[in-house]
Structure formats: structure tokens, C-alpha cells
Protein backbone atom coordinates (compact mmCIF):
# COMPACT_ATOMS: atom_id res chain seq x y z
CA UNK A 1 0.00 0.00 0.00
CA UNK A 2 1.33 3.42 -0.92
CA UNK A 3 1.35 6.01 1.85
CA UNK A 4 2.65 9.57 2.00
CA UNK A 5 3.76 11.77 4.88
CA UNK A 6 4.28 15.52 4.60
CA UNK A 7 6.41 17.26 7.22
CA UNK A 8 5.86 21.02 7.01
CA UNK A 9 8.80 22.03 9.16
CA UNK A 10 10.31 25.28 10.36
CA UNK A 11 13.17 25.07 7.84
CA UNK A 12 12.02 22.68 5.11
CA UNK A 13 8.90 21.01 3.76
CA UNK A 14 9.28 17.38 2.72
CA UNK A 15 6.96 14.86 1.11
CA UNK A 16 7.99 11.22 1.55
CA UNK A 17 6.24 8.36 -0.25
CA UNK A 18 6.43 4.83 1.13
CA UNK A 19 5.43 1.34 0.12
CA UNK A 20 3.97 -0.09 3.34
CA UNK A 21 4.10 -3.89 3.64
CA UNK A 22 1.65 -6.23 5.38
CA UNK A 23 3.67 -6.30 8.62
CA UNK A 24 3.69 -2.45 8.80
CA UNK A 25 7.32 -2.10 7.73
CA UNK A 26 7.98 0.10 4.74
CA UNK A 27 10.29 1.01 1.91
CA UNK A 28 10.95 4.66 1.16
CA UNK A 29 10.21 5.10 -2.54
CA UNK A 30 11.24 8.72 -2.81
CA UNK A 31 10.84 12.21 -1.45
CA UNK A 32 10.44 15.81 -2.55
CA UNK A 33 11.93 18.61 -0.48
CA UNK A 34 11.62 22.41 -0.46
CA UNK A 35 13.63 24.70 1.80
CA UNK A 36 10.68 27.00 2.45
CA UNK A 37 12.19 28.34 5.71
CA UNK A 38 8.70 29.31 6.76
CA UNK A 39 9.83 29.94 10.32
CA UNK A 40 12.68 32.30 9.45
CA UNK A 41 12.33 35.50 11.48
CA UNK A 42 9.22 34.32 13.31
CA UNK A 43 8.86 35.07 16.99
CA UNK A 44 5.93 33.96 19.11
CA UNK A 45 2.99 36.19 18.20
CA UNK A 46 4.40 37.39 14.86
CA UNK A 47 3.08 36.36 11.44
CA UNK A 48 4.33 34.16 8.63
CA UNK A 49 5.17 36.58 5.79
CA UNK A 50 3.30 36.69 2.48
CA UNK A 51 6.45 35.65 0.60
CA UNK A 52 6.86 32.57 2.79
CA UNK A 53 3.17 31.70 2.38
CA UNK A 54 3.53 31.90 -1.41
CA UNK A 55 6.58 29.60 -1.34
CA UNK A 56 4.73 27.18 0.96
CA UNK A 57 1.74 27.12 -1.41
CA UNK A 58 4.02 26.34 -4.36
CA UNK A 59 5.54 23.44 -2.41
CA UNK A 60 2.10 22.03 -1.58
CA UNK A 61 0.97 22.31 -5.21
CA UNK A 62 4.03 20.25 -6.19
CA UNK A 63 3.29 17.74 -3.41
CA UNK A 64 -0.34 17.41 -4.54
CA UNK A 65 0.70 16.84 -8.16
CA UNK A 66 3.18 14.11 -7.20
CA UNK A 67 0.69 12.40 -4.87
CA UNK A 68 -1.89 12.34 -7.67
CA UNK A 69 0.65 11.12 -10.24
CA UNK A 70 1.67 8.22 -7.97
CA UNK A 71 -1.91 7.36 -7.02
CA UNK A 72 -1.29 7.66 -3.29
CA UNK A 73 -4.53 7.49 -1.30
CA UNK A 74 -3.24 7.41 2.29
CA UNK A 75 -1.79 10.86 3.09
CA UNK A 76 -0.80 12.33 6.46
CA UNK A 77 0.43 15.92 6.79
CA UNK A 78 1.76 17.63 9.91
CA UNK A 79 2.90 21.17 10.64
CA UNK A 80 5.44 21.85 13.37
CA UNK A 81 6.90 24.72 15.39
CA UNK A 82 6.54 27.58 12.87
CA UNK A 83 2.78 27.01 12.73
CA UNK A 84 2.62 26.85 16.52
CA UNK A 85 4.62 30.07 16.98
CA UNK A 86 3.01 32.22 14.27
CA UNK A 87 -0.08 34.31 14.91
CA UNK A 88 -1.46 33.25 11.52
CA UNK A 89 -0.26 29.63 11.73
CA UNK A 90 -3.77 28.14 11.68
CA UNK A 91 -4.82 30.39 8.79
CA UNK A 92 -1.79 29.30 6.73
CA UNK A 93 -2.32 25.62 7.55
CA UNK A 94 -5.95 25.92 6.39
CA UNK A 95 -4.80 27.36 3.03
CA UNK A 96 -2.30 24.55 2.57
CA UNK A 97 -4.89 21.95 3.57
CA UNK A 98 -7.22 23.28 0.88
CA UNK A 99 -4.49 22.95 -1.77
CA UNK A 100 -3.60 19.43 -0.66
CA UNK A 101 -7.15 18.19 -0.21
CA UNK A 102 -6.03 16.70 3.10
CA UNK A 103 -5.82 18.14 6.61
CA UNK A 104 -2.46 19.69 7.54
CA UNK A 105 -2.55 19.06 11.27
CA UNK A 106 -0.57 21.38 13.54
CA UNK A 107 0.99 19.07 16.13
CA UNK A 108 2.12 19.99 19.63
CA UNK A 109 5.76 20.00 20.71
CA UNK A 110 5.18 16.84 22.73
CA UNK A 111 3.60 15.09 19.73
CA UNK A 112 6.52 16.14 17.56
CA UNK A 113 8.97 14.69 20.07
CA UNK A 114 6.99 11.47 20.41
CA UNK A 115 6.75 10.99 16.65
CA UNK A 116 10.49 11.61 16.30
CA UNK A 117 11.33 9.04 18.97
CA UNK A 118 8.86 6.52 17.51
CA UNK A 119 10.49 6.83 14.09
CA UNK A 120 13.88 6.03 15.63
CA UNK A 121 12.72 3.20 17.93
CA UNK A 122 10.94 1.48 15.04
CA UNK A 123 14.00 1.58 12.76
CA UNK A 124 16.88 0.89 15.18
CA UNK A 125 17.19 -2.00 17.70
CA UNK A 126 16.79 0.12 20.84
CA UNK A 127 15.85 -2.17 23.72
CA UNK A 128 17.92 -0.48 26.45
CA UNK A 129 17.70 2.91 28.14
CA UNK A 130 18.52 5.71 25.73
CA UNK A 131 18.14 9.38 24.92
CA UNK A 132 16.79 10.25 21.47
CA UNK A 133 16.90 13.75 20.03
CA UNK A 134 15.86 15.33 16.75
CA UNK A 135 17.13 18.76 15.84
CA UNK A 136 14.95 20.75 13.49
CA UNK A 137 14.99 24.27 12.15
CA UNK A 138 12.99 25.79 15.00
CA UNK A 139 12.99 23.28 17.83
CA UNK A 140 14.85 20.48 19.55
CA UNK A 141 12.96 17.36 20.64
CA UNK A 142 14.43 15.12 23.36
CA UNK A 143 12.93 11.83 24.53
CA UNK A 144 13.94 9.46 27.31
CA UNK A 145 13.66 5.76 26.48
CA UNK A 146 13.45 3.09 29.16
CA UNK A 147 13.36 -0.61 28.23
CA UNK A 148 12.53 0.39 24.67
CA UNK A 149 9.56 2.59 25.65
CA UNK A 150 9.16 6.38 25.53
CA UNK A 151 8.83 7.64 29.11
CA UNK A 152 9.54 11.39 28.81
CA UNK A 153 9.33 13.88 25.96
CA UNK A 154 10.60 17.45 25.91
CA UNK A 155 10.47 20.09 23.20
CA UNK A 156 12.79 23.09 23.45
CA UNK A 157 12.43 26.26 21.30
CA UNK A 158 15.95 26.03 19.86
CA UNK A 159 16.68 25.01 16.29
CA UNK A 160 19.42 25.28 13.68
CA UNK A 161 17.66 27.87 11.50
CA UNK A 162 16.36 29.82 14.47
CA UNK A 163 19.91 30.26 15.80
CA UNK A 164 21.76 30.39 12.45
CA UNK A 165 22.65 34.10 12.75
CA UNK A 166 23.87 33.91 16.36
CA UNK A 167 27.52 33.64 17.39
CA UNK A 168 28.90 30.31 18.60
CA UNK A 169 29.15 31.68 22.14
CA UNK A 170 25.55 32.91 22.08
CA UNK A 171 24.26 29.57 20.76
CA UNK A 172 26.09 27.61 23.47
CA UNK A 173 24.65 29.88 26.18
CA UNK A 174 21.08 29.61 24.82
CA UNK A 175 21.28 25.82 24.42
CA UNK A 176 22.85 25.30 27.85
CA UNK A 177 20.18 27.45 29.51
CA UNK A 178 17.33 25.62 27.75
CA UNK A 179 18.65 22.09 28.40
CA UNK A 180 19.17 22.89 32.09
CA UNK A 181 15.38 23.30 32.42
CA UNK A 182 14.65 19.62 31.71
CA UNK A 183 15.18 16.55 33.86
CA UNK A 184 16.52 13.49 32.03
CA UNK A 185 18.93 10.95 33.50
CA UNK A 186 21.96 10.48 31.20
CA UNK A 187 22.09 7.21 29.25
CA UNK A 188 24.98 5.37 27.64
CA UNK A 189 23.14 5.32 24.31
CA UNK A 190 22.33 8.66 22.65
CA UNK A 191 20.68 8.66 19.21
CA UNK A 192 20.28 11.71 17.00
CA UNK A 193 18.20 12.41 13.90
CA UNK A 194 17.32 15.36 11.70
CA UNK A 195 18.93 16.86 8.61
CA UNK A 196 21.88 18.48 10.36
CA UNK A 197 22.71 15.33 12.31
CA UNK A 198 22.62 13.26 9.12
CA UNK A 199 24.80 15.80 7.29
CA UNK A 200 27.43 15.63 10.04
CA UNK A 201 27.40 11.83 9.81
CA UNK A 202 27.88 11.97 6.03
CA UNK A 203 30.75 14.42 6.51
CA UNK A 204 32.38 12.12 9.07
CA UNK A 205 31.99 9.06 6.83
CA UNK A 206 33.59 10.85 3.89
CA UNK A 207 36.48 12.27 5.90
CA UNK A 208 37.21 8.95 7.64
CA UNK A 209 36.91 6.98 4.39
CA UNK A 210 34.25 4.71 5.86
CA UNK A 211 33.16 2.21 3.16
CA UNK A 212 29.38 2.57 3.35
CA UNK A 213 26.80 4.76 1.64
CA UNK A 214 24.38 4.56 4.58
CA UNK A 215 24.53 6.62 7.79
CA UNK A 216 21.70 4.72 9.51
CA UNK A 217 23.06 3.36 12.79
CA UNK A 218 26.44 5.03 12.16
CA UNK A 219 28.30 6.19 15.28
CA UNK A 220 30.13 9.53 15.49
CA UNK A 221 32.47 10.22 18.45
CA UNK A 222 31.49 13.32 20.43
CA UNK A 223 35.06 14.58 20.05
CA UNK A 224 34.52 14.71 16.28
CA UNK A 225 31.25 16.63 16.67
CA UNK A 226 33.15 19.21 18.76
CA UNK A 227 35.80 19.56 16.05
CA UNK A 228 33.18 19.96 13.32
CA UNK A 229 31.32 22.58 15.36
CA UNK A 230 34.45 24.73 15.66
CA UNK A 231 35.57 24.29 12.05
CA UNK A 232 32.13 24.88 10.51
CA UNK A 233 31.71 28.14 12.40
CA UNK A 234 35.02 29.39 11.01
CA UNK A 235 33.85 28.88 7.40
CA UNK A 236 31.45 30.91 5.28
CA UNK A 237 28.44 29.33 3.58
CA UNK A 238 30.29 28.71 0.30
CA UNK A 239 33.16 26.99 2.09
CA UNK A 240 30.76 24.87 4.14
CA UNK A 241 28.84 23.77 1.04
CA UNK A 242 32.11 22.63 -0.57
CA UNK A 243 32.58 20.02 2.17
CA UNK A 244 31.55 16.40 1.45
CA UNK A 245 27.99 15.53 2.44
CA UNK A 246 26.88 19.17 2.87
CA UNK A 247 24.62 20.77 0.25
CA UNK A 248 24.38 24.54 -0.21
CA UNK A 249 20.94 24.54 1.43
CA UNK A 250 22.24 22.53 4.40
CA UNK A 251 25.30 24.79 4.68
CA UNK A 252 22.88 27.54 5.74
CA UNK A 253 22.29 25.82 9.12
CA UNK A 254 24.96 23.11 9.58
CA UNK A 255 27.24 25.35 11.69
CA UNK A 256 24.55 26.23 14.23
CA UNK A 257 23.20 22.67 14.16
CA UNK A 258 26.64 21.26 14.97
CA UNK A 259 27.02 23.57 17.97
CA UNK A 260 23.57 22.64 19.31
CA UNK A 261 24.39 18.92 19.00
CA UNK A 262 27.82 19.41 20.59
CA UNK A 263 26.33 21.27 23.55
CA UNK A 264 23.65 18.59 23.96
CA UNK A 265 26.19 15.74 23.99
CA UNK A 266 28.34 17.60 26.52
CA UNK A 267 25.32 18.11 28.77
CA UNK A 268 24.60 14.36 28.81
CA UNK A 269 28.31 13.41 29.10
CA UNK A 270 27.93 11.29 25.95
CA UNK A 271 31.14 10.06 24.33
CA UNK A 272 29.39 9.26 21.04
CA UNK A 273 26.12 9.61 19.17
CA UNK A 274 24.39 7.04 16.98
CA UNK A 275 22.70 8.49 13.91
CA UNK A 276 19.26 7.59 12.59
CA UNK A 277 18.32 8.09 8.95
CA UNK A 278 14.69 8.08 10.07
CA UNK A 279 12.74 10.32 12.42
CA UNK A 280 9.49 12.21 12.70
CA UNK A 281 8.00 11.33 9.30
CA UNK A 282 8.51 7.62 9.94
CA UNK A 283 7.06 8.10 13.42
CA UNK A 284 3.91 9.57 11.88
CA UNK A 285 3.83 6.66 9.42
CA UNK A 286 4.30 3.90 12.04
CA UNK A 287 2.47 5.50 14.96
CA UNK A 288 0.74 2.83 17.05
CA UNK A 289 2.80 -0.14 15.80
CA UNK A 290 5.95 -1.80 17.12
CA UNK A 291 8.63 -2.88 14.64
CA UNK A 292 11.69 -5.04 15.33
CA UNK A 293 14.60 -6.65 13.46
CA UNK A 294 12.60 -9.73 12.47
CA UNK A 295 9.92 -7.61 10.83
CA UNK A 296 12.57 -5.66 8.94
CA UNK A 297 14.08 -8.92 7.67
CA UNK A 298 10.61 -9.83 6.42
CA UNK A 299 10.48 -6.47 4.62
CA UNK A 300 13.45 -7.52 2.47
CA UNK A 301 11.48 -10.58 1.32
CA UNK A 302 8.25 -8.61 0.82
CA UNK A 303 10.08 -6.09 -1.35
CA UNK A 304 11.04 -8.98 -3.65
CA UNK A 305 7.44 -10.32 -3.59
CA UNK A 306 8.54 -13.42 -1.66
CA UNK A 307 7.43 -15.21 1.48
CA UNK A 308 10.05 -14.73 4.23
CA UNK A 309 12.40 -17.78 4.31
CA UNK A 310 12.28 -18.26 8.08
CA UNK A 311 13.25 -21.94 7.89
CA UNK A 312 16.55 -20.86 6.35
CA UNK A 313 17.06 -18.30 9.12
CA UNK A 314 16.36 -20.71 11.98
CA UNK A 315 18.48 -23.53 10.53
CA UNK A 316 21.45 -21.17 10.26
CA UNK A 317 20.87 -19.38 13.57
CA UNK A 318 20.86 -22.55 15.67
CA UNK A 319 24.32 -23.55 14.43
CA UNK A 320 26.00 -20.57 16.13
CA UNK A 321 25.63 -19.63 19.79
CA UNK A 322 24.73 -16.21 21.13
CA UNK A 323 24.05 -12.97 19.27
CA UNK A 324 26.29 -14.06 16.39
CA UNK A 325 23.71 -16.75 15.61
CA UNK A 326 21.23 -14.00 14.75
CA UNK A 327 23.68 -12.42 12.31
CA UNK A 328 24.47 -15.75 10.64
CA UNK A 329 20.74 -16.44 10.37
CA UNK A 330 20.17 -12.97 8.91
CA UNK A 331 22.94 -13.46 6.33
CA UNK A 332 21.35 -16.76 5.30
CA UNK A 333 17.88 -15.16 5.17
CA UNK A 334 18.99 -12.27 2.93
CA UNK A 335 21.10 -14.51 0.69
CA UNK A 336 18.14 -16.87 0.32
CA UNK A 337 15.93 -13.97 -0.78
CA UNK A 338 18.43 -13.08 -3.50
CA UNK A 339 18.75 -16.73 -4.52
CA UNK A 340 14.98 -17.09 -4.86
CA UNK A 341 15.05 -13.87 -6.90
CA UNK A 342 17.44 -15.64 -9.30
CA UNK A 343 20.56 -13.59 -8.62
CA UNK A 344 23.61 -15.36 -10.06
CA UNK A 345 25.58 -14.74 -6.87
CA UNK A 346 23.16 -14.19 -3.97
CA UNK A 347 26.00 -13.87 -1.43
CA UNK A 348 27.63 -11.05 -3.35
CA UNK A 349 24.22 -9.38 -3.72
CA UNK A 350 23.77 -9.58 0.06
CA UNK A 351 27.23 -8.10 0.65
CA UNK A 352 26.67 -5.24 -1.79
CA UNK A 353 23.28 -4.42 -0.30
CA UNK A 354 24.82 -4.04 3.17
CA UNK A 355 27.31 -1.54 1.76
CA UNK A 356 24.95 0.61 -0.28
CA UNK A 357 21.38 0.37 1.07
CA UNK A 358 19.69 1.87 4.12
CA UNK A 359 18.40 -1.17 6.02
CA UNK A 360 16.08 -0.27 8.91
CA UNK A 361 15.99 -2.33 12.09
CA UNK A 362 19.76 -2.71 12.46
CA UNK A 363 22.72 -0.64 13.57
CA UNK A 364 25.39 -0.07 10.96
CA UNK A 365 27.77 -2.38 12.85
CA UNK A 366 25.17 -5.16 12.69
CA UNK A 367 24.55 -4.68 8.97
CA UNK A 368 28.26 -4.65 8.17
CA UNK A 369 28.71 -7.84 10.24
CA UNK A 370 25.98 -9.54 8.20
CA UNK A 371 27.62 -8.27 5.02
CA UNK A 372 31.02 -9.73 5.93
CA UNK A 373 29.41 -13.12 6.61
CA UNK A 374 27.79 -12.97 3.16
CA UNK A 375 31.13 -12.04 1.60
CA UNK A 376 32.74 -15.02 3.35
CA UNK A 377 30.00 -17.25 1.90
CA UNK A 378 30.80 -15.84 -1.54
CA UNK A 379 34.46 -16.82 -1.28
CA UNK A 380 37.63 -14.86 -0.70
CA UNK A 381 37.71 -12.21 2.02
CA UNK A 382 40.60 -9.84 2.73
CA UNK A 383 41.80 -8.39 6.01
CA UNK A 384 41.21 -4.91 4.64
CA UNK A 385 37.51 -5.77 4.22
CA UNK A 386 37.34 -6.41 7.96
CA UNK A 387 39.54 -3.51 9.08
CA UNK A 388 37.81 -0.94 6.89
CA UNK A 389 34.55 -1.32 8.81
CA UNK A 390 36.17 -1.33 12.25
CA UNK A 391 35.07 -4.86 13.20
CA UNK A 392 37.12 -7.36 15.17
CA UNK A 393 36.87 -10.70 13.38
CA UNK A 394 39.37 -13.35 12.36
CA UNK A 395 39.15 -14.51 8.74
CA UNK A 396 38.88 -18.14 9.84
CA UNK A 397 35.86 -17.29 12.00
CA UNK A 398 34.10 -15.50 9.14
CA UNK A 399 34.77 -18.37 6.74
CA UNK A 400 33.14 -20.76 9.20
CA UNK A 401 30.05 -18.56 9.37
CA UNK A 402 30.04 -18.16 5.59
CA UNK A 403 30.24 -21.91 5.09
CA UNK A 404 27.18 -22.40 7.32
CA UNK A 405 25.25 -19.79 5.33
CA UNK A 406 26.12 -21.24 1.94
CA UNK A 407 25.40 -24.86 2.92
CA UNK A 408 21.97 -23.98 4.29
CA UNK A 409 20.97 -21.60 1.49
CA UNK A 410 21.91 -24.21 -1.12
CA UNK A 411 19.71 -26.73 0.74
CA UNK A 412 16.73 -24.39 0.23
CA UNK A 413 16.91 -23.45 -3.48
CA UNK A 414 13.38 -22.01 -3.46
CA UNK A 415 13.18 -21.19 0.22
CA UNK A 416 11.95 -24.76 0.77
CA UNK A 417 14.25 -27.56 1.91
CA UNK A 418 15.45 -29.70 -1.02
CA UNK A 419 15.57 -33.43 -0.21
CA UNK A 420 15.95 -34.86 -3.71
């Protein structure tokens, strides 16, 4: 089923279209983004300008045209902090709703924070205590997670666009003052989402030479965030946009966003931050459902119009003890999907997917582990393949896992055990 979510944010408007599968997982088919910057210059009680309204209307006309062209029937649209702050926020949302033919619902700060956290929890394996934040153009959402459940949500009126013209010192003071008003116990795991967080992760991947195209579940040391915050503030917008992973539009706010994130991590004494490629839009999409790694494995099969090969998974998993059994089972599952889809080398297809695709439900370390097992099943593996992703495996160990995967997948040529 095709579904669409529109996030009318303080800095940008984005339409995302998804193919939603029968177990409520999804595949992002594409998105359309406009840097409307509708909240620029807005203070509580002031109005959204006529120029910004016109730009917003143009964005919604484009969204409506794409939704109609794709035949999407299930559409959800939400407006965030700019609509809450502005005196004419409701009036503008009504105009945009009329263009869209669907209700643009202005959500509260708490709802925004809860949707953001839901989008992260449903796409990363967060079962422990954690802090999740999403930095937007006009606000910062922070949620406390306990045993995988959202227990506290805070929304602070600080965002990357809102503070883009302030000095680094001023931003740090504002952020520190705002964060000191909330009560959240620090957690070992801190997860960040939002455009500026993702841009910093892309920058870090490019600079470090990390061999993956995905930033979902990628971990950035807090020390690196601090360095980026200082460097980005010393550059002008043209110099920032010349950096890898940073577009000209993102360069407008990446410096202030980096300082906000740095100050946040310092406040929680976090030595690193895990990055989520998903956030509020996916929270709106999956609100009310609980997704885990098994469901996301099923999504890979559903995308290929196949029944999930769980027999393959369980046969492989039981041959290896502990958490590694899950990764061996997952490598066999994914390879089996590619084999049933008639790929000439399903193990290589599995390996390449783990390097290039965003795979929800897993951290990047988990996905790269699965990929190395698939590569071992394919054949030759080099030490540099292991070192490049920062994992601690011996080649002999990986070959043993790869052998298990290949033997079991070949026993199930069509996802069904072959006994002939």
C-alpha cells in the first residue's frame, strides 16, 4: 500500500512516499523537499510573511501533483513549530490543507517529540535505556527511552535555522540554559536524527573513508562533533557547502546545528552519538505499531514479492551460539531472498546491499557484520575488508560462518528444503 507523509517544518517542507508492507514495515520510494524556511524570522505572536506563504503554497501544489501522479490514497500531513509560533499559523495551515485536499494538522511539541522518537525506535534496535533527540529548524525534541519505551518527551524552542545568525558563544549559552530546564537521566546510548545530524554523519563518513553509503546506525564520536562545530563556524556558507555531504541549502544551518548537537552531547556526558536516517515522518507513518529486526528482515522478502524464508534463518541461527547466531541467520535469510530472486551470486548481492542500502531495524555495525558473513559465503575475504569497517573478526571465524550460510541456502533453493 502506498502512503505519503508531509512534514511542514520550520526550515524545510518534505513529502515522503512509502510502500507499506503487510507487517507495517515500509520502503521509502522517494521524497520531494523544499527549503521553504517558513519559520525564518518568526517570533511567538508574529506572522508568517506573504512571501513565505507563497513559497509554501508552491511546495504544496508540487506535493499534490506528485501524490496524484503516484496514485497515493493514504496521506498524512503535519505542521510543526513555525505554525505553533506564528499568529497566523492556523490560517496558513488551512490554506495549505485546501491545496492538498487533506488536513495539515498542527501538532504539539510533545507530539513532535513522540513521533520523532517513535520513528527512531521502530528503525533501530533500541531495547535499552537511551536518549533520542531530533534537531529541526525551529525546535529540539528530546525523549527518554526506558526498556525500549518512551517515558519522557521534551520540546525546546531552539533550532538550527532559528539560531543560524547567532555567534557560537551565544548559541552555546542559549542551548545550555534551555537544556538545564529539563530533567533526564543520562544514558549510555544517545541517538540523533534530523537533517543536520545526518549531514554531520555523512561528513564524518567521507572524511574517515568509511566504506558505506548509509549513515543509519552510524556512530560519530562526540570529540569529532566538537571539532566539526568549531571548524564549521570558522567557514562561510560557500566553504561549508564545498565540504563532502553538505549541500548549499544545508550549509545555511549546519554550523549552528553542529554547535547545538555538541552542547547537547556535553550536557549528557555522551562520548558518542548514533545516527538515525529516520525520524518524525517515519514516526507519523508507524504510529501505534511496534517494529523489530525480524519484521525488517521480512520487509526484504516482501520487497522482492517473496514469502520470508524463516526456515533458512532458523536452521542457520541454531548452528552458532549467542548474538552471532542471529547475524548468521540474517545473512542466510537475505542470501536466500536473492537466490529465490534468481541472482547469479546471492551472497555477493547480500554483501553489496549491506554496503549501499539503508536497512532499517539494524545498527550499521550489525549490517556490516551480516555483510562480511555474506562475503565469506561468496568466497575470498581480505583483512582490509574487515579492518575498513572497524570490526574485530578473524578470517577463519568469518569463513566458518560463511560456510554455514552457503550450505543452508543451497539446501533451500526455493526457500523450501530440497531433499531430492
